[in-house]
Amino acid sequence: MTERNAALDAPTLAEAFQSTAARRGDAPALRTIGDEVLISWSEYAERVETIAGGLAALGLEPGDTLAFMMINRPEFHLIDTAGLHLGAVCFSIYNTSSPSQIQHLLEDAAPKIVVCEKQFLPLVEEARALGGQVEHVVVIDDGGLEMLENTAAPAGFDFEARWRAVEAEDVLMLIYTSGTTGPPKGVELTHANVMWEANALVEAVPVPVDGRSISFLPAAHVADRLLNHDLQMIFGTTLTTCPEPPRFFEHAIEVRPTLFGAVPRIWEKLKAALEAGGVDAAAADDATAQAIRQRIGVDKVEVFLVGAAATPDAVLEFFGNLGIPICELWGMSETSAVATINRPDAIRPGTVGTALPGVELKLAEDGELMVRGPLVMRGYRNLPEKTRETFTDDGWLLTGDIAEISDDGYVKIVDRKKELIINAAGKNMSPANIENKVKSADPLVGSVMAIGDGRPFNVALITLDPDMRAGRSVEDLTDQVKAAVETANADLSRVEQIKRFDILDEEWLPGGDELTPTMKLKRKPILAKYEETVERLYER
């Protein structure tokens, strides 16, 4: 019988880290590709204590907030971990944020300290000038790390006493939601939330202990902060930071990760690249599939995960044929990242699996999914009324997702409650379902927004994937996009089908006018920005 990981029984992440660091010793904890930076667990623990003294010297007290704005790099983990040992509440800012968006976060969170890179300092300073609250700015690549490590701790500072004073119900971090319907809300997650999530996950899937993973998603997203920062402290992972997401597979070939989670778009683009290289997954035998897994660096992965948006069945089938069983999951920032998951030996495509052990699920009368359990957030920062609106009187979290639950507990997410299309005839439709059909029909399709609320039929705005477009004009590719729409329509009911569409000669970027940093559609801003284009589609 495998000995239980003692860190799982710690009440706080600080205690879990101390347990893991002591157990792992000289094993590598943090690194960059090629071992340009290589930090052992022992060194990680020593530097966390030193940096904690520097943060305390700047006045960081229990309950104070500590903000970050940087690319994926080891210094984030060093300083964030030091902060949580002091009882600070840590959060990250999306690097694509505008000064006014940063200002909102600084006003809401009121961080004592902002840690950023030199490239983001002008944005932080502009946000401060707009009224954002912050006492100290530490520029990590301009002497900031050295300053924290060389500043003497305050007189009488007792590092162990500070981290042992942190309690399970203390807020560990803030995750600011994407803000598709308004300003981002600060989700408050506690040490207890994260420790409970870790224990539930390890019961549901074989989370590797002392494994290897790659941090390439933004730390502002709950997926990276939980899977590649928090859980690393519990499971003793060797974490390689990847500063540029497009270089993930370059890193994977070197790292050979044992855990790999990504958003659907990454899997879709990998599928397109493999197919363009002649891979026929359906015809691949075991030896061919193994060779492909080795070529892309995922042959040692024990658990493959996908979440944050619906994954086309064709993508799951393609990789399943290559011996890559992708476990689609569902969760929110408000549920500490993961609430349901497909188990590796019981994957049901088209669903997000079943509830984690100890998580309760049920549907409201209108089909909205409700969740209850120890992984649910404490509330929204500074928004008591919004917090009350998000919970029922008996403690159920209203997720905003319309779902279906099978008799054996498998959950199918239909769409966001506020985003359902109700056409002029009163028919309810899921725009995400329509959009995913088009995107999965051809990798040339980048983003799709289906429109039809209150209208007699559906139309769509479509952008092209810049890699697949390869500099070709919209005119040259119109027939290919038309074929993709026709393929999608063949798999949709008549009322769901896209009757007209417009190809936009531009790219929708994460954090821009059209997409959130997590690549969710900003539907209302898109409708406002492209109002004339949409009206022309209906006037033809």
Protein backbone atom coordinates (compact mmCIF):
# COMPACT_ATOMS: atom_id res chain seq x y z
CA MET A 1 0.00 0.00 0.00
CA THR A 2 1.31 3.45 -0.93
CA GLU A 3 2.04 5.61 2.09
CA ARG A 4 -0.31 8.56 2.36
CA ASN A 5 1.16 11.96 1.49
CA ALA A 6 1.39 13.73 4.88
CA ALA A 7 0.99 17.16 3.28
CA LEU A 8 -2.63 16.29 2.44
CA ASP A 9 -3.44 16.35 6.15
CA ALA A 10 -2.07 19.85 6.74
CA PRO A 11 -4.74 22.43 7.65
CA THR A 12 -3.07 25.19 5.63
CA LEU A 13 -1.02 25.47 2.48
CA ALA A 14 1.85 26.93 4.51
CA GLU A 15 2.08 23.81 6.64
CA ALA A 16 1.71 21.61 3.56
CA PHE A 17 4.63 23.42 1.93
CA GLN A 18 6.83 22.94 4.99
CA SER A 19 6.01 19.22 5.06
CA THR A 20 6.75 18.77 1.36
CA ALA A 21 9.96 20.82 1.39
CA ALA A 22 11.30 18.77 4.29
CA ARG A 23 10.43 15.51 2.55
CA ARG A 24 11.77 16.48 -0.89
CA GLY A 25 15.02 18.10 0.28
CA ASP A 26 17.50 18.45 -2.58
CA ALA A 27 15.04 17.33 -5.28
CA PRO A 28 14.30 20.05 -7.87
CA ALA A 29 11.30 22.25 -7.08
CA LEU A 30 11.40 25.19 -9.49
CA ARG A 31 13.22 25.44 -12.79
CA THR A 32 13.29 26.90 -16.29
CA ILE A 33 14.00 25.07 -19.51
CA GLY A 34 17.61 23.93 -19.80
CA ASP A 35 18.04 24.37 -16.02
CA GLU A 36 19.00 28.02 -16.52
CA VAL A 37 17.28 28.44 -13.16
CA LEU A 38 17.18 25.42 -10.86
CA ILE A 39 15.94 25.66 -7.27
CA SER A 40 15.76 22.65 -4.96
CA TRP A 41 13.03 22.21 -2.38
CA SER A 42 15.50 22.98 0.40
CA GLU A 43 16.58 26.19 -1.31
CA TYR A 44 12.93 27.03 -2.06
CA ALA A 45 12.11 26.79 1.66
CA GLU A 46 15.17 28.82 2.71
CA ARG A 47 14.44 31.58 0.23
CA VAL A 48 10.77 31.70 1.17
CA GLU A 49 11.78 32.38 4.78
CA THR A 50 14.25 35.08 3.73
CA ILE A 51 11.78 36.77 1.37
CA ALA A 52 9.06 36.60 4.02
CA GLY A 53 11.33 38.67 6.26
CA GLY A 54 11.74 41.25 3.49
CA LEU A 55 7.98 41.41 2.91
CA ALA A 56 7.40 41.81 6.65
CA ALA A 57 9.90 44.67 6.65
CA LEU A 58 7.69 46.39 4.05
CA GLY A 59 4.79 46.06 6.46
CA LEU A 60 2.99 43.00 5.07
CA GLU A 61 0.70 41.76 7.83
CA PRO A 62 -1.80 38.87 8.07
CA GLY A 63 -4.83 39.65 5.92
CA ASP A 64 -2.98 42.22 3.78
CA THR A 65 -3.12 41.67 0.04
CA LEU A 66 -0.11 41.02 -2.17
CA ALA A 67 -0.48 41.52 -5.94
CA PHE A 68 1.53 40.14 -8.86
CA MET A 69 1.86 41.11 -12.51
CA MET A 70 4.46 39.04 -14.32
CA ILE A 71 5.00 36.27 -16.84
CA ASN A 72 5.42 32.66 -15.71
CA ARG A 73 8.77 32.60 -13.89
CA PRO A 74 10.17 31.01 -10.70
CA GLU A 75 10.28 34.31 -8.82
CA PHE A 76 6.49 34.39 -8.68
CA HIS A 77 6.41 31.13 -6.75
CA LEU A 78 9.13 32.24 -4.34
CA ILE A 79 7.42 35.50 -3.41
CA ASP A 80 3.81 34.31 -3.47
CA THR A 81 4.69 31.37 -1.22
CA ALA A 82 6.51 33.72 1.15
CA GLY A 83 3.43 35.93 1.25
CA LEU A 84 1.01 33.13 2.10
CA HIS A 85 3.32 32.06 4.97
CA LEU A 86 2.74 35.51 6.45
CA GLY A 87 -1.02 35.10 6.20
CA ALA A 88 -1.24 37.48 3.23
CA VAL A 89 -3.96 37.21 0.58
CA CYS A 90 -2.25 36.85 -2.80
CA PHE A 91 -3.64 37.51 -6.28
CA SER A 92 -2.39 37.98 -9.82
CA ILE A 93 -3.32 40.51 -12.50
CA TYR A 94 -3.71 39.45 -16.12
CA ASN A 95 -0.81 40.83 -18.13
CA THR A 96 -3.23 41.95 -20.86
CA SER A 97 -5.11 44.26 -18.46
CA SER A 98 -5.52 47.94 -19.23
CA PRO A 99 -4.62 50.64 -16.67
CA SER A 100 -8.29 51.18 -15.83
CA GLN A 101 -8.80 47.43 -15.28
CA ILE A 102 -5.74 47.31 -13.04
CA GLN A 103 -7.03 50.35 -11.17
CA HIS A 104 -10.27 48.49 -10.40
CA LEU A 105 -8.35 45.55 -8.93
CA LEU A 106 -6.04 47.79 -6.91
CA GLU A 107 -9.00 49.69 -5.48
CA ASP A 108 -10.93 46.52 -4.70
CA ALA A 109 -8.05 44.50 -3.24
CA ALA A 110 -6.03 47.43 -1.85
CA PRO A 111 -2.71 45.53 -1.95
CA LYS A 112 0.02 46.58 0.44
CA ILE A 113 2.59 45.53 -2.19
CA VAL A 114 2.53 44.99 -5.96
CA VAL A 115 5.28 42.76 -7.40
CA CYS A 116 5.74 43.25 -11.14
CA GLU A 117 8.22 43.07 -13.98
CA LYS A 118 9.77 46.16 -15.48
CA GLN A 119 7.73 45.74 -18.65
CA PHE A 120 4.49 46.12 -16.66
CA LEU A 121 5.62 48.97 -14.39
CA PRO A 122 4.18 51.75 -16.64
CA LEU A 123 0.76 50.07 -16.50
CA VAL A 124 0.91 49.73 -12.72
CA GLU A 125 2.00 53.35 -12.30
CA GLU A 126 -0.75 54.59 -14.60
CA ALA A 127 -3.28 52.56 -12.60
CA ARG A 128 -1.97 54.15 -9.40
CA ALA A 129 -2.34 57.59 -10.97
CA LEU A 130 -5.97 56.76 -11.75
CA GLY A 131 -6.59 56.07 -8.07
CA GLY A 132 -5.43 52.50 -7.54
CA GLN A 133 -4.34 51.87 -3.95
CA VAL A 134 -0.89 50.41 -3.30
CA GLU A 135 1.89 51.29 -0.85
CA HIS A 136 4.94 49.60 -2.41
CA VAL A 137 5.85 48.46 -5.92
CA VAL A 138 8.62 45.87 -6.17
CA VAL A 139 10.08 45.50 -9.67
CA ILE A 140 11.33 41.95 -9.74
CA ASP A 141 13.79 42.28 -12.63
CA ASP A 142 15.20 45.62 -11.52
CA GLY A 143 16.66 44.73 -8.13
CA GLY A 144 13.36 43.89 -6.44
CA LEU A 145 14.09 40.27 -5.62
CA GLU A 146 17.52 41.13 -4.28
CA MET A 147 15.97 43.87 -2.16
CA LEU A 148 13.49 41.45 -0.61
CA GLU A 149 16.18 38.86 0.07
CA ASN A 150 18.69 41.34 1.50
CA THR A 151 16.34 43.44 3.64
CA ALA A 152 16.55 42.52 7.30
CA ALA A 153 13.36 41.24 8.87
CA PRO A 154 11.78 43.43 11.55
CA ALA A 155 13.08 43.05 15.10
CA GLY A 156 11.51 40.06 16.78
CA PHE A 157 10.26 38.54 13.51
CA ASP A 158 9.53 34.84 14.03
CA PHE A 159 8.92 33.15 10.69
CA GLU A 160 7.71 29.82 12.10
CA ALA A 161 5.35 31.52 14.51
CA ARG A 162 3.92 33.59 11.64
CA TRP A 163 3.12 30.64 9.39
CA ARG A 164 1.83 28.51 12.25
CA ALA A 165 -0.57 31.35 13.12
CA VAL A 166 -2.24 31.06 9.72
CA GLU A 167 -5.59 29.29 10.06
CA ALA A 168 -7.53 27.04 7.71
CA GLU A 169 -10.40 29.50 7.28
CA ASP A 170 -8.09 32.42 6.46
CA VAL A 171 -8.35 33.71 2.91
CA LEU A 172 -5.46 32.35 0.87
CA MET A 173 -6.01 34.05 -2.48
CA LEU A 174 -8.24 36.14 -4.67
CA ILE A 175 -9.19 35.03 -8.15
CA TYR A 176 -10.73 37.81 -10.17
CA THR A 177 -13.40 36.49 -12.51
CA SER A 178 -13.13 37.21 -16.22
CA GLY A 179 -15.73 39.95 -16.15
CA THR A 180 -17.87 38.98 -19.15
CA THR A 181 -20.87 40.82 -17.70
CA GLY A 182 -19.23 43.61 -15.71
CA PRO A 183 -16.18 44.43 -13.60
CA PRO A 184 -14.32 41.35 -12.31
CA LYS A 185 -15.36 40.08 -8.91
CA GLY A 186 -12.74 38.92 -6.41
CA VAL A 187 -13.42 35.31 -5.44
CA GLU A 188 -12.11 34.62 -1.93
CA LEU A 189 -10.67 31.12 -1.54
CA THR A 190 -9.41 29.92 1.83
CA HIS A 191 -6.63 27.55 2.81
CA ALA A 192 -9.38 25.07 3.75
CA ASN A 193 -10.91 25.33 0.26
CA VAL A 194 -7.63 24.45 -1.43
CA MET A 195 -6.65 21.68 0.98
CA TRP A 196 -10.07 20.10 0.61
CA GLU A 197 -9.87 20.36 -3.18
CA ALA A 198 -6.49 18.59 -3.17
CA ASN A 199 -7.85 15.72 -1.07
CA ALA A 200 -10.94 15.35 -3.28
CA LEU A 201 -8.87 15.37 -6.48
CA VAL A 202 -6.52 12.67 -5.28
CA GLU A 203 -9.52 10.45 -4.57
CA ALA A 204 -10.91 11.02 -8.06
CA VAL A 205 -7.84 10.86 -10.33
CA PRO A 206 -4.27 9.58 -9.92
CA VAL A 207 -2.58 12.91 -9.19
CA PRO A 208 1.16 12.20 -9.48
CA VAL A 209 3.26 12.63 -6.33
CA ASP A 210 6.77 13.98 -6.90
CA GLY A 211 5.91 14.38 -10.58
CA ARG A 212 6.67 17.02 -13.20
CA SER A 213 4.48 19.78 -14.60
CA ILE A 214 4.75 22.95 -16.66
CA SER A 215 3.29 26.32 -15.68
CA PHE A 216 2.21 28.13 -18.84
CA LEU A 217 -1.26 29.53 -18.15
CA PRO A 218 -1.64 32.92 -16.42
CA ALA A 219 -1.31 32.79 -12.62
CA ALA A 220 -4.39 35.04 -12.54
CA HIS A 221 -6.40 32.02 -13.72
CA VAL A 222 -7.51 29.58 -11.04
CA ALA A 223 -6.29 26.60 -13.11
CA ASP A 224 -2.62 27.60 -13.04
CA ARG A 225 -2.71 28.95 -9.51
CA LEU A 226 -4.30 25.79 -8.16
CA LEU A 227 -2.73 23.03 -10.32
CA ASN A 228 0.74 24.46 -10.79
CA HIS A 229 1.28 26.54 -7.68
CA ASP A 230 -0.86 25.39 -4.78
CA LEU A 231 -0.94 21.67 -5.57
CA GLN A 232 2.82 21.67 -6.23
CA MET A 233 3.33 22.48 -2.55
CA ILE A 234 1.21 19.47 -1.59
CA PHE A 235 2.36 16.87 -4.12
CA GLY A 236 6.04 17.79 -4.39
CA THR A 237 6.01 18.46 -8.11
CA THR A 238 9.04 19.69 -10.01
CA LEU A 239 7.63 22.75 -11.75
CA THR A 240 9.08 24.19 -14.95
CA THR A 241 7.89 27.69 -15.81
CA CYS A 242 7.13 28.46 -19.45
CA PRO A 243 7.04 32.22 -20.15
CA GLU A 244 5.51 31.88 -23.62
CA PRO A 245 2.51 29.53 -23.98
CA PRO A 246 3.21 28.78 -27.69
CA ARG A 247 6.48 27.18 -26.52
CA PHE A 248 4.67 24.65 -24.31
CA PHE A 249 5.48 21.59 -26.41
CA GLU A 250 9.12 22.64 -26.68
CA HIS A 251 9.12 22.53 -22.89
CA ALA A 252 7.14 19.28 -22.80
CA ILE A 253 9.72 17.47 -24.94
CA GLU A 254 12.38 18.33 -22.37
CA VAL A 255 10.32 18.05 -19.17
CA ARG A 256 8.23 14.95 -19.95
CA PRO A 257 5.42 16.14 -17.62
CA THR A 258 3.43 13.66 -15.55
CA LEU A 259 0.40 15.98 -15.32
CA PHE A 260 -0.90 18.06 -18.21
CA GLY A 261 -3.95 20.30 -18.19
CA ALA A 262 -4.94 22.78 -20.89
CA VAL A 263 -7.86 24.70 -22.34
CA PRO A 264 -9.66 23.17 -25.36
CA ARG A 265 -8.06 25.53 -27.88
CA ILE A 266 -4.59 24.11 -27.17
CA TRP A 267 -5.85 20.57 -27.77
CA GLU A 268 -7.67 21.71 -30.93
CA LYS A 269 -4.55 23.33 -32.36
CA LEU A 270 -2.42 20.30 -31.50
CA LYS A 271 -4.94 18.08 -33.28
CA ALA A 272 -4.80 20.32 -36.36
CA ALA A 273 -1.00 20.32 -36.37
CA LEU A 274 -0.81 16.52 -36.07
CA GLU A 275 -3.38 16.04 -38.83
CA ALA A 276 -1.53 18.50 -41.05
CA GLY A 277 1.55 16.33 -40.46
CA GLY A 278 -0.27 13.27 -41.72
CA VAL A 279 -1.40 11.69 -38.45
CA ASP A 280 -4.48 9.48 -38.84
CA ALA A 281 -5.41 8.84 -35.22
CA ALA A 282 -8.17 6.37 -36.03
CA ALA A 283 -5.70 4.17 -37.93
CA ALA A 284 -2.84 4.44 -35.44
CA ASP A 285 -1.71 1.20 -33.82
CA ASP A 286 -0.17 1.08 -30.35
CA ALA A 287 3.39 1.56 -31.57
CA THR A 288 2.44 4.53 -33.75
CA ALA A 289 0.46 6.15 -30.94
CA GLN A 290 3.36 5.69 -28.52
CA ALA A 291 5.77 7.26 -31.03
CA ILE A 292 3.47 10.28 -31.41
CA ARG A 293 3.16 10.71 -27.65
CA GLN A 294 6.95 10.64 -27.38
CA ARG A 295 7.35 13.13 -30.21
CA ILE A 296 5.16 15.74 -28.52
CA GLY A 297 6.55 15.07 -25.04
CA VAL A 298 3.49 13.63 -23.30
CA ASP A 299 4.46 9.97 -23.10
CA LYS A 300 5.00 10.15 -19.32
CA VAL A 301 1.75 11.99 -18.51
CA GLU A 302 -0.39 10.11 -16.00
CA VAL A 303 -3.41 12.45 -16.09
CA PHE A 304 -4.57 14.60 -19.02
CA LEU A 305 -7.05 17.36 -18.16
CA VAL A 306 -9.13 19.86 -20.12
CA GLY A 307 -11.50 22.52 -18.85
CA ALA A 308 -12.64 26.17 -18.93
CA ALA A 309 -14.81 25.61 -22.03
CA ALA A 310 -16.54 22.80 -23.87
CA THR A 311 -14.26 20.40 -25.74
CA PRO A 312 -15.53 19.03 -29.08
CA ASP A 313 -16.14 15.27 -29.04
CA ALA A 314 -13.97 14.94 -32.16
CA VAL A 315 -10.98 16.26 -30.21
CA LEU A 316 -11.52 13.80 -27.35
CA GLU A 317 -11.92 10.92 -29.81
CA PHE A 318 -8.81 11.89 -31.80
CA PHE A 319 -6.55 11.91 -28.75
CA GLY A 320 -8.24 8.90 -27.22
CA ASN A 321 -7.19 6.95 -30.31
CA LEU A 322 -3.60 8.02 -29.62
CA GLY A 323 -3.67 6.68 -26.07
CA ILE A 324 -4.28 10.13 -24.59
CA PRO A 325 -7.47 9.87 -22.50
CA ILE A 326 -8.40 13.49 -21.78
CA CYS A 327 -10.44 13.95 -18.62
CA GLU A 328 -12.84 16.82 -19.26
CA LEU A 329 -13.73 18.63 -16.07
CA TRP A 330 -15.93 21.47 -14.92
CA GLY A 331 -15.49 24.05 -12.24
CA MET A 332 -15.32 27.74 -11.54
CA SER A 333 -13.13 30.07 -9.57
CA GLU A 334 -15.97 29.95 -7.05
CA THR A 335 -15.52 26.16 -6.65
CA SER A 336 -11.72 26.17 -6.22
CA ALA A 337 -11.25 25.21 -9.90
CA VAL A 338 -12.65 21.66 -10.12
CA ALA A 339 -16.05 20.37 -9.00
CA THR A 340 -16.71 17.56 -11.50
CA ILE A 341 -14.34 15.43 -13.55
CA ASN A 342 -14.27 12.46 -15.89
CA ARG A 343 -12.29 9.65 -14.30
CA PRO A 344 -9.57 8.29 -16.64
CA ASP A 345 -11.17 4.83 -16.75
CA ALA A 346 -14.74 6.09 -17.15
CA ILE A 347 -14.62 8.99 -19.63
CA ARG A 348 -17.95 9.91 -21.18
CA PRO A 349 -17.46 12.39 -24.08
CA GLY A 350 -19.87 15.30 -24.09
CA THR A 351 -19.94 15.43 -20.31
CA VAL A 352 -17.74 16.95 -17.62
CA GLY A 353 -17.85 13.80 -15.54
CA THR A 354 -19.24 13.29 -12.08
CA ALA A 355 -18.89 15.24 -8.85
CA LEU A 356 -15.71 15.08 -6.80
CA PRO A 357 -16.15 13.02 -3.62
CA GLY A 358 -18.05 15.09 -1.06
CA VAL A 359 -19.45 17.57 -3.59
CA GLU A 360 -23.23 17.89 -3.83
CA LEU A 361 -24.93 18.79 -7.11
CA LYS A 362 -28.52 19.47 -8.07
CA LEU A 363 -30.51 21.38 -10.67
CA ALA A 364 -32.79 24.33 -10.01
CA GLU A 365 -36.24 24.36 -11.60
CA ASP A 366 -34.88 26.23 -14.62
CA GLY A 367 -31.99 23.79 -15.07
CA GLU A 368 -29.29 25.89 -13.39
CA LEU A 369 -26.57 23.78 -11.83
CA MET A 370 -26.13 24.27 -8.07
CA VAL A 371 -23.14 23.15 -6.03
CA ARG A 372 -22.57 22.69 -2.32
CA GLY A 373 -19.46 21.53 -0.49
CA PRO A 374 -16.23 22.55 1.27
CA LEU A 375 -14.64 23.65 -2.01
CA VAL A 376 -17.08 26.53 -2.47
CA MET A 377 -15.66 30.02 -2.01
CA ARG A 378 -16.11 32.13 1.09
CA GLY A 379 -17.64 34.92 -1.00
CA TYR A 380 -16.87 37.86 -3.29
CA ARG A 381 -14.50 40.45 -1.87
CA ASN A 382 -16.28 43.65 -0.78
CA LEU A 383 -19.55 42.47 -2.39
CA PRO A 384 -21.77 41.11 0.40
CA GLU A 385 -24.98 41.69 -1.57
CA LYS A 386 -23.63 39.92 -4.66
CA THR A 387 -22.43 37.08 -2.44
CA ARG A 388 -25.91 36.70 -0.95
CA GLU A 389 -27.46 36.65 -4.44
CA THR A 390 -25.10 33.87 -5.49
CA PHE A 391 -26.15 31.50 -2.70
CA THR A 392 -29.51 30.03 -1.79
CA ASP A 393 -30.70 30.26 1.79
CA ASP A 394 -29.59 26.67 2.40
CA GLY A 395 -26.06 27.20 1.10
CA TRP A 396 -26.21 26.12 -2.55
CA LEU A 397 -23.96 28.05 -4.95
CA LEU A 398 -25.85 29.22 -8.04
CA THR A 399 -23.33 28.61 -10.82
CA GLY A 400 -25.07 30.39 -13.69
CA ASP A 401 -24.63 27.29 -15.88
CA ILE A 402 -27.56 25.39 -17.35
CA ALA A 403 -26.84 21.69 -17.08
CA GLU A 404 -28.21 18.17 -17.29
CA ILE A 405 -27.39 15.37 -14.83
CA SER A 406 -27.77 11.72 -15.88
CA ASP A 407 -29.15 9.04 -13.61
CA ASP A 408 -25.60 7.87 -12.88
CA GLY A 409 -24.37 11.38 -12.05
CA TYR A 410 -22.64 12.51 -15.24
CA VAL A 411 -23.00 16.26 -15.82
CA LYS A 412 -23.49 17.87 -19.20
CA ILE A 413 -23.09 21.65 -19.35
CA VAL A 414 -25.54 23.22 -21.82
CA ASP A 415 -24.46 26.87 -21.63
CA ARG A 416 -24.34 29.93 -19.44
CA LYS A 417 -27.83 30.82 -18.25
CA LYS A 418 -27.47 34.46 -19.29
CA GLU A 419 -26.10 33.59 -22.71
CA LEU A 420 -28.81 31.26 -24.03
CA ILE A 421 -30.29 32.35 -27.34
CA ILE A 422 -34.09 32.63 -27.31
CA ASN A 423 -35.15 33.32 -30.89
CA ALA A 424 -38.21 35.19 -32.12
CA ALA A 425 -40.26 32.00 -31.97
CA GLY A 426 -39.26 31.35 -28.35
CA LYS A 427 -36.85 28.50 -29.06
CA ASN A 428 -33.99 28.16 -26.52
CA MET A 429 -30.55 27.39 -27.94
CA SER A 430 -27.00 27.15 -26.68
CA PRO A 431 -24.70 29.52 -28.60
CA ALA A 432 -21.63 27.68 -27.27
CA ASN A 433 -22.87 24.43 -28.83
CA ILE A 434 -23.34 26.12 -32.19
CA GLU A 435 -19.98 27.85 -32.00
CA ASN A 436 -18.12 24.69 -31.05
CA LYS A 437 -19.59 22.82 -34.01
CA VAL A 438 -18.15 25.44 -36.37
CA LYS A 439 -14.75 25.58 -34.66
CA SER A 440 -14.38 21.80 -34.67
CA ALA A 441 -15.32 21.62 -38.36
CA ASP A 442 -12.10 23.29 -39.50
CA PRO A 443 -9.00 24.49 -37.61
CA LEU A 444 -8.98 27.54 -39.89
CA VAL A 445 -11.81 28.93 -37.76
CA GLY A 446 -10.46 30.97 -34.85
CA SER A 447 -13.34 32.50 -32.92
CA VAL A 448 -17.08 32.25 -33.56
CA MET A 449 -19.95 34.17 -32.03
CA ALA A 450 -23.45 32.94 -32.78
CA ILE A 451 -26.21 35.60 -32.68
CA GLY A 452 -29.94 35.09 -32.74
CA ASP A 453 -31.55 36.32 -29.52
CA GLY A 454 -34.96 37.68 -30.42
CA ARG A 455 -34.23 37.17 -34.12
CA PRO A 456 -35.90 34.98 -36.76
CA PHE A 457 -32.69 33.00 -37.47
CA ASN A 458 -29.07 32.70 -36.38
CA VAL A 459 -26.07 34.48 -37.87
CA ALA A 460 -22.42 34.39 -36.86
CA LEU A 461 -19.27 36.50 -36.68
CA ILE A 462 -16.17 34.45 -37.51
CA THR A 463 -12.46 35.18 -37.22
CA LEU A 464 -9.63 33.12 -38.69
CA ASP A 465 -6.87 31.35 -36.81
CA PRO A 466 -3.68 33.29 -37.67
CA ASP A 467 -1.50 30.18 -37.79
CA MET A 468 -3.83 28.29 -40.12
CA ARG A 469 -4.53 31.39 -42.20
CA ALA A 470 -0.82 31.78 -42.94
CA GLY A 471 -1.17 35.24 -44.48
CA ARG A 472 -3.92 34.31 -46.96
CA SER A 473 -6.73 36.78 -47.64
CA VAL A 474 -10.29 36.46 -46.39
CA GLU A 475 -11.47 36.25 -49.99
CA ASP A 476 -9.23 33.26 -50.68
CA LEU A 477 -10.59 31.44 -47.63
CA THR A 478 -14.29 32.27 -47.79
CA ASP A 479 -15.25 28.98 -49.47
CA GLN A 480 -13.34 26.99 -46.83
CA VAL A 481 -15.14 28.80 -44.02
CA LYS A 482 -18.45 28.33 -45.81
CA ALA A 483 -17.76 24.60 -45.97
CA ALA A 484 -17.03 24.57 -42.23
CA VAL A 485 -20.34 26.30 -41.49
CA GLU A 486 -22.16 23.81 -43.71
CA THR A 487 -20.48 20.91 -41.90
CA ALA A 488 -21.56 22.37 -38.57
CA ASN A 489 -25.09 23.00 -39.78
CA ALA A 490 -25.40 19.36 -40.82
CA ASP A 491 -24.96 18.44 -37.16
CA LEU A 492 -27.40 21.05 -35.84
CA SER A 493 -31.19 21.21 -35.82
CA ARG A 494 -32.75 23.45 -38.43
CA VAL A 495 -33.53 26.21 -35.93
CA GLU A 496 -29.94 26.17 -34.60
CA GLN A 497 -28.27 26.45 -37.99
CA ILE A 498 -26.27 29.49 -39.03
CA LYS A 499 -28.02 31.06 -42.02
CA ARG A 500 -25.56 33.89 -42.66
CA PHE A 501 -22.11 34.81 -41.43
CA ASP A 502 -19.41 37.43 -41.80
CA ILE A 503 -15.68 36.75 -41.73
CA LEU A 504 -13.89 39.49 -39.85
CA ASP A 505 -10.45 40.38 -41.17
CA GLU A 506 -8.99 40.72 -37.68
CA GLU A 507 -7.87 38.61 -34.75
CA TRP A 508 -9.69 38.51 -31.42
CA LEU A 509 -7.02 38.44 -28.72
CA PRO A 510 -7.34 37.37 -25.07
CA GLY A 511 -7.84 40.46 -22.93
CA GLY A 512 -8.96 42.55 -25.92
CA ASP A 513 -12.35 44.03 -26.75
CA GLU A 514 -13.84 40.67 -27.70
CA LEU A 515 -12.27 38.04 -25.43
CA THR A 516 -11.57 37.84 -21.73
CA PRO A 517 -8.04 36.84 -20.70
CA THR A 518 -9.37 33.28 -20.44
CA MET A 519 -10.68 33.44 -24.03
CA LYS A 520 -14.38 33.67 -23.17
CA LEU A 521 -16.50 35.75 -25.53
CA LYS A 522 -17.50 39.21 -24.31
CA ARG A 523 -20.87 38.92 -25.96
CA LYS A 524 -22.38 42.30 -25.13
CA PRO A 525 -19.27 44.32 -26.11
CA ILE A 526 -19.01 42.28 -29.33
CA LEU A 527 -22.63 43.04 -30.21
CA ALA A 528 -22.07 46.73 -29.55
CA LYS A 529 -18.80 46.89 -31.51
CA TYR A 530 -20.12 44.99 -34.54
CA GLU A 531 -23.71 46.23 -34.44
CA GLU A 532 -23.66 47.48 -38.04
CA THR A 533 -22.17 44.23 -39.32
CA VAL A 534 -24.81 42.18 -37.52
CA GLU A 535 -27.64 44.35 -38.82
CA ARG A 536 -26.35 43.98 -42.38
CA LEU A 537 -26.47 40.20 -41.98
CA TYR A 538 -30.15 40.42 -41.10
CA GLU A 539 -30.95 42.94 -43.84
CA ARG A 540 -29.66 40.87 -46.77
